[in-house]
Amino acid sequence: MPGTPLTLLCGRVRTRAPARPPRPRHPAAPPPRPGRAPPACDGAACRRSRRAQAGSHDRKGRRRAKPRATTATVRAAPTAKPATPRKPAAPKRARATKQDPGRLERLVEAARKSLDDDKAEDIVVLDVTNRASYADRLIIATGFVGRQIEAMASHVDDALAKEGMKLRRSAFSKSEEWVLIDAGDLVIHLFTPEARLKFDLEKMWGPDSPMGEAAPGEQSPI
């Protein structure tokens, strides 16, 4: 009948429930919260993925076969050599310094010429190779004023520097009566007239002096 409800005609009406969507085998993990690391996946697909990344299994989870060793790979593999004990390093030898036999004579000539230019008096060069152990040559000269002696010493220093002999401050010893310049194998004495007569180095180290060092009772400014 038109307008009559269906429940009145048929009694009960069976209704089907709506079909549910199929559940996934591995539900997706919820998105990580901001500031937190994503949770670890414990599913089989995740384990297969990790094994594939490690290289021991393929994408389907099957273990990969190890490559067999061939003659070429065995030859190419580096072999560890037995460690040999190191020998102790030999001590370095000191370099032998080459001495110029004519250098001393050039220094003597440069000092003598410098003193001659400064108007030094009674310039004497003594060979004391076999008489003194501290030098091979002595130069003795006289200056009349203390300022003149200091200027003579400064000019001798410049003359020796031009020949390659650069002296330190410790090489100069000064007093009111004399100046001593220690240039290694060459020693220069600059005296006032009174001090030169007092010490009398020409007699002590001259050709007529005895061989060897000075006697204990003799005076010397060096």
Protein backbone atom coordinates (compact mmCIF):
# COMPACT_ATOMS: atom_id res chain seq x y z
CA MET A 1 0.00 0.00 0.00
CA PRO A 2 1.33 3.32 -0.83
CA GLY A 3 2.49 5.32 2.12
CA THR A 4 2.68 2.22 4.38
CA PRO A 5 6.05 1.77 6.15
CA LEU A 6 8.15 -1.15 5.09
CA THR A 7 8.43 -2.40 8.67
CA LEU A 8 4.72 -2.90 8.87
CA LEU A 9 4.53 -4.96 5.69
CA CYS A 10 7.52 -7.26 6.15
CA GLY A 11 7.94 -7.16 9.84
CA ARG A 12 11.69 -6.92 10.32
CA VAL A 13 14.09 -5.63 7.69
CA ARG A 14 17.55 -7.13 7.66
CA THR A 15 20.21 -4.60 6.95
CA ARG A 16 23.82 -5.44 6.11
CA ALA A 17 26.58 -3.74 7.99
CA PRO A 18 29.00 -1.72 5.81
CA ALA A 19 32.10 -3.62 4.76
CA ARG A 20 35.24 -2.79 6.74
CA PRO A 21 38.46 -2.04 4.89
CA PRO A 22 41.06 -4.86 5.16
CA ARG A 23 43.68 -4.40 7.85
CA PRO A 24 47.23 -4.00 6.63
CA ARG A 25 49.66 -6.74 7.64
CA HIS A 26 52.12 -4.18 8.94
CA PRO A 27 50.36 -1.06 10.12
CA ALA A 28 52.25 2.12 9.45
CA ALA A 29 53.82 3.70 12.48
CA PRO A 30 52.35 7.00 13.57
CA PRO A 31 54.34 10.07 12.56
CA PRO A 32 57.00 10.96 15.16
CA ARG A 33 56.36 13.84 17.43
CA PRO A 34 58.45 16.94 16.87
CA GLY A 35 61.72 16.74 18.78
CA ARG A 36 61.64 12.93 19.16
CA ALA A 37 63.31 10.16 17.15
CA PRO A 38 61.03 7.86 15.10
CA PRO A 39 60.28 4.51 16.80
CA ALA A 40 62.22 1.46 15.64
CA CYS A 41 60.41 -0.88 13.27
CA ASP A 42 60.37 -4.54 14.39
CA GLY A 43 58.48 -5.94 11.42
CA ALA A 44 59.82 -8.56 9.02
CA ALA A 45 60.01 -6.04 6.18
CA CYS A 46 62.14 -3.75 8.31
CA ARG A 47 64.46 -6.61 9.22
CA ARG A 48 64.82 -7.57 5.57
CA SER A 49 65.55 -3.96 4.68
CA ARG A 50 68.24 -3.71 7.36
CA ARG A 51 69.84 -6.96 6.21
CA ALA A 52 69.83 -5.77 2.61
CA GLN A 53 71.49 -2.52 3.64
CA ALA A 54 74.12 -4.46 5.60
CA GLY A 55 74.90 -6.47 2.46
CA SER A 56 74.48 -9.95 3.98
CA HIS A 57 70.94 -10.55 2.59
CA ASP A 58 69.01 -9.53 -0.51
CA ARG A 59 65.70 -7.72 -0.66
CA LYS A 60 63.73 -10.95 -0.16
CA GLY A 61 65.58 -11.86 3.01
CA ARG A 62 67.76 -14.59 1.46
CA ARG A 63 71.35 -14.84 2.63
CA ARG A 64 73.85 -13.97 -0.02
CA ALA A 65 76.53 -16.49 -0.89
CA LYS A 66 80.11 -15.51 -0.11
CA PRO A 67 82.39 -15.20 -3.16
CA ARG A 68 84.82 -18.02 -3.53
CA ALA A 69 88.50 -17.28 -3.32
CA THR A 70 90.27 -17.70 -6.64
CA THR A 71 93.94 -17.74 -7.56
CA ALA A 72 93.74 -14.15 -8.75
CA THR A 73 92.20 -12.90 -5.49
CA VAL A 74 94.72 -14.85 -3.42
CA ARG A 75 97.62 -13.36 -5.35
CA ALA A 76 96.16 -9.87 -5.15
CA ALA A 77 95.64 -10.05 -1.39
CA PRO A 78 98.46 -8.28 0.46
CA THR A 79 100.60 -10.52 2.63
CA ALA A 80 101.82 -9.21 5.96
CA LYS A 81 105.60 -9.13 6.12
CA PRO A 82 107.29 -10.11 9.37
CA ALA A 83 108.43 -7.11 11.36
CA THR A 84 112.19 -6.75 11.33
CA PRO A 85 113.89 -5.16 14.33
CA ARG A 86 115.21 -1.68 13.62
CA LYS A 87 118.89 -1.06 13.92
CA PRO A 88 119.93 1.64 16.36
CA ALA A 89 120.69 4.91 14.62
CA ALA A 90 124.38 5.57 14.32
CA PRO A 91 125.57 8.77 16.03
CA LYS A 92 126.08 11.66 13.66
CA ARG A 93 129.64 12.58 13.03
CA ALA A 94 130.74 16.11 13.64
CA ARG A 95 131.46 17.96 10.46
CA ALA A 96 135.07 18.80 9.96
CA THR A 97 135.51 22.53 9.63
CA LYS A 98 137.67 23.56 6.73
CA GLN A 99 140.29 26.00 7.92
CA ASP A 100 141.73 28.50 5.51
CA PRO A 101 145.51 28.56 6.05
CA GLY A 102 145.78 32.14 4.78
CA ARG A 103 142.94 33.55 6.86
CA LEU A 104 145.09 34.30 9.90
CA GLU A 105 147.57 36.25 7.81
CA ARG A 106 144.76 38.27 6.23
CA LEU A 107 143.38 39.12 9.68
CA VAL A 108 146.81 40.18 10.88
CA GLU A 109 147.33 42.38 7.83
CA ALA A 110 143.85 43.94 8.15
CA ALA A 111 144.43 44.77 11.84
CA ARG A 112 147.93 46.13 11.23
CA LYS A 113 146.72 48.35 8.37
CA SER A 114 143.84 49.67 10.50
CA LEU A 115 146.23 50.57 13.32
CA ASP A 116 148.62 52.23 10.87
CA ASP A 117 145.79 54.36 9.49
CA ASP A 118 144.92 55.49 13.05
CA LYS A 119 148.52 56.66 13.62
CA ALA A 120 149.34 53.96 16.18
CA GLU A 121 152.96 53.92 17.41
CA ASP A 122 155.40 50.97 17.47
CA ILE A 123 153.18 48.34 15.84
CA VAL A 124 154.73 44.90 16.52
CA VAL A 125 153.48 41.49 15.27
CA LEU A 126 154.73 38.47 17.27
CA ASP A 127 154.49 34.83 16.21
CA VAL A 128 153.69 32.86 19.39
CA THR A 129 152.60 29.60 17.81
CA ASN A 130 155.10 27.51 19.79
CA ARG A 131 155.14 29.76 22.88
CA ALA A 132 151.49 30.40 23.82
CA SER A 133 148.55 28.02 23.88
CA TYR A 134 145.83 30.68 23.61
CA ALA A 135 146.89 32.36 20.32
CA ASP A 136 149.21 32.14 17.32
CA ARG A 137 149.75 35.87 16.70
CA LEU A 138 150.05 38.91 18.95
CA ILE A 139 149.81 42.50 17.79
CA ILE A 140 151.05 45.20 20.14
CA ALA A 141 150.56 48.92 19.48
CA THR A 142 150.66 52.17 21.43
CA GLY A 143 148.14 54.99 21.67
CA PHE A 144 148.72 58.25 23.53
CA VAL A 145 145.16 59.04 24.70
CA GLY A 146 142.37 56.81 26.02
CA ARG A 147 139.97 58.06 23.33
CA GLN A 148 142.51 57.26 20.66
CA ILE A 149 142.89 53.70 21.96
CA GLU A 150 139.10 53.16 21.99
CA ALA A 151 138.82 54.52 18.41
CA MET A 152 141.66 52.25 17.30
CA ALA A 153 139.86 49.23 18.82
CA SER A 154 136.59 50.14 17.09
CA HIS A 155 138.31 50.51 13.70
CA VAL A 156 140.12 47.17 14.15
CA ASP A 157 136.75 45.55 14.85
CA ASP A 158 135.40 46.93 11.57
CA ALA A 159 138.47 45.79 9.64
CA LEU A 160 138.19 42.22 10.99
CA ALA A 161 134.46 42.14 10.22
CA LYS A 162 135.22 42.87 6.57
CA GLU A 163 137.43 39.75 6.56
CA GLY A 164 134.61 37.62 7.99
CA MET A 165 135.62 37.79 11.67
CA LYS A 166 132.68 39.25 13.59
CA LEU A 167 133.58 39.76 17.24
CA ARG A 168 131.24 39.79 20.22
CA ARG A 169 131.31 42.28 23.04
CA SER A 170 132.94 39.70 25.29
CA ALA A 171 135.98 39.74 22.99
CA PHE A 172 136.90 43.25 24.22
CA SER A 173 138.49 43.95 27.61
CA LYS A 174 139.13 47.58 28.56
CA SER A 175 140.87 49.50 31.30
CA GLU A 176 142.32 52.98 31.67
CA GLU A 177 145.73 51.91 30.32
CA TRP A 178 145.03 49.29 27.66
CA VAL A 179 142.47 47.52 25.46
CA LEU A 180 142.63 43.79 24.66
CA ILE A 181 140.89 42.31 21.59
CA ASP A 182 140.53 38.52 21.54
CA ALA A 183 140.00 37.39 17.92
CA GLY A 184 140.71 33.69 18.43
CA ASP A 185 144.16 32.89 17.08
CA LEU A 186 144.88 36.63 16.97
CA VAL A 187 145.13 38.74 20.13
CA ILE A 188 145.63 42.52 19.89
CA HIS A 189 146.98 44.70 22.72
CA LEU A 190 146.58 48.47 22.61
CA PHE A 191 148.59 50.16 25.39
CA THR A 192 149.42 53.59 26.65
CA PRO A 193 153.19 54.23 26.68
CA GLU A 194 153.41 53.71 30.46
CA ALA A 195 151.43 50.44 30.41
CA ARG A 196 153.49 49.08 27.54
CA LEU A 197 156.72 49.60 29.46
CA LYS A 198 155.15 48.08 32.56
CA PHE A 199 154.03 44.79 31.03
CA ASP A 200 156.79 44.52 28.39
CA LEU A 201 155.07 41.86 26.27
CA GLU A 202 157.80 42.00 23.62
CA LYS A 203 160.25 40.55 26.10
CA MET A 204 157.75 37.99 27.43
CA TRP A 205 156.56 36.67 24.02
CA GLY A 206 159.29 37.89 21.64
CA PRO A 207 161.70 35.71 19.63
CA ASP A 208 164.20 35.69 22.48
CA SER A 209 161.65 34.50 25.06
CA PRO A 210 161.79 30.88 26.33
CA MET A 211 159.51 28.30 24.72
CA GLY A 212 156.28 27.64 26.62
CA GLU A 213 154.00 29.67 28.86
CA ALA A 214 155.07 32.62 31.00
CA ALA A 215 156.69 32.01 34.35
CA PRO A 216 154.46 32.27 37.45
CA GLY A 217 156.24 35.41 38.69
CA GLU A 218 155.88 37.35 35.45
CA GLN A 219 153.00 39.79 35.05
CA SER A 220 150.74 39.78 32.01
CA PRO A 221 147.48 41.62 31.28
CA ILE A 222 145.98 38.46 29.69
